[in-house]
């Protein structure tokens, strides 16, 4: 039979963590702290990266819009000076034809 003090000692020993358990907890806490720092506190945190990605998408859309506008402007200017280009534009874009010809339109 165990005495009361021996029972208390056994219960205290059960409550104590083994060395591998302590290491496991310490490494887990260290990893959690590192992940928290990377995603929340650092200069390149998650919110900042998301905002910058949105800005990049906006700028890329603006660039595409400006390029399209530039191409249209160049097309308009070249149409004003080149008669062959004018005729090609009317035929391809507006589907116009000369009175004595047949036009077949193939759409993909």
Foldseek 3Di string as FASTA:
>chain_A
DDDPVVVVVVVVVVVDDDPVVVVVVVVVVVVVVVVCCQQPPDPPHDVVVVVVVVVVVVVVVVVVVVVVVVVVVVLVVVCVPDVVSVVVCCCPPVVDDDPPDDDDDDDD
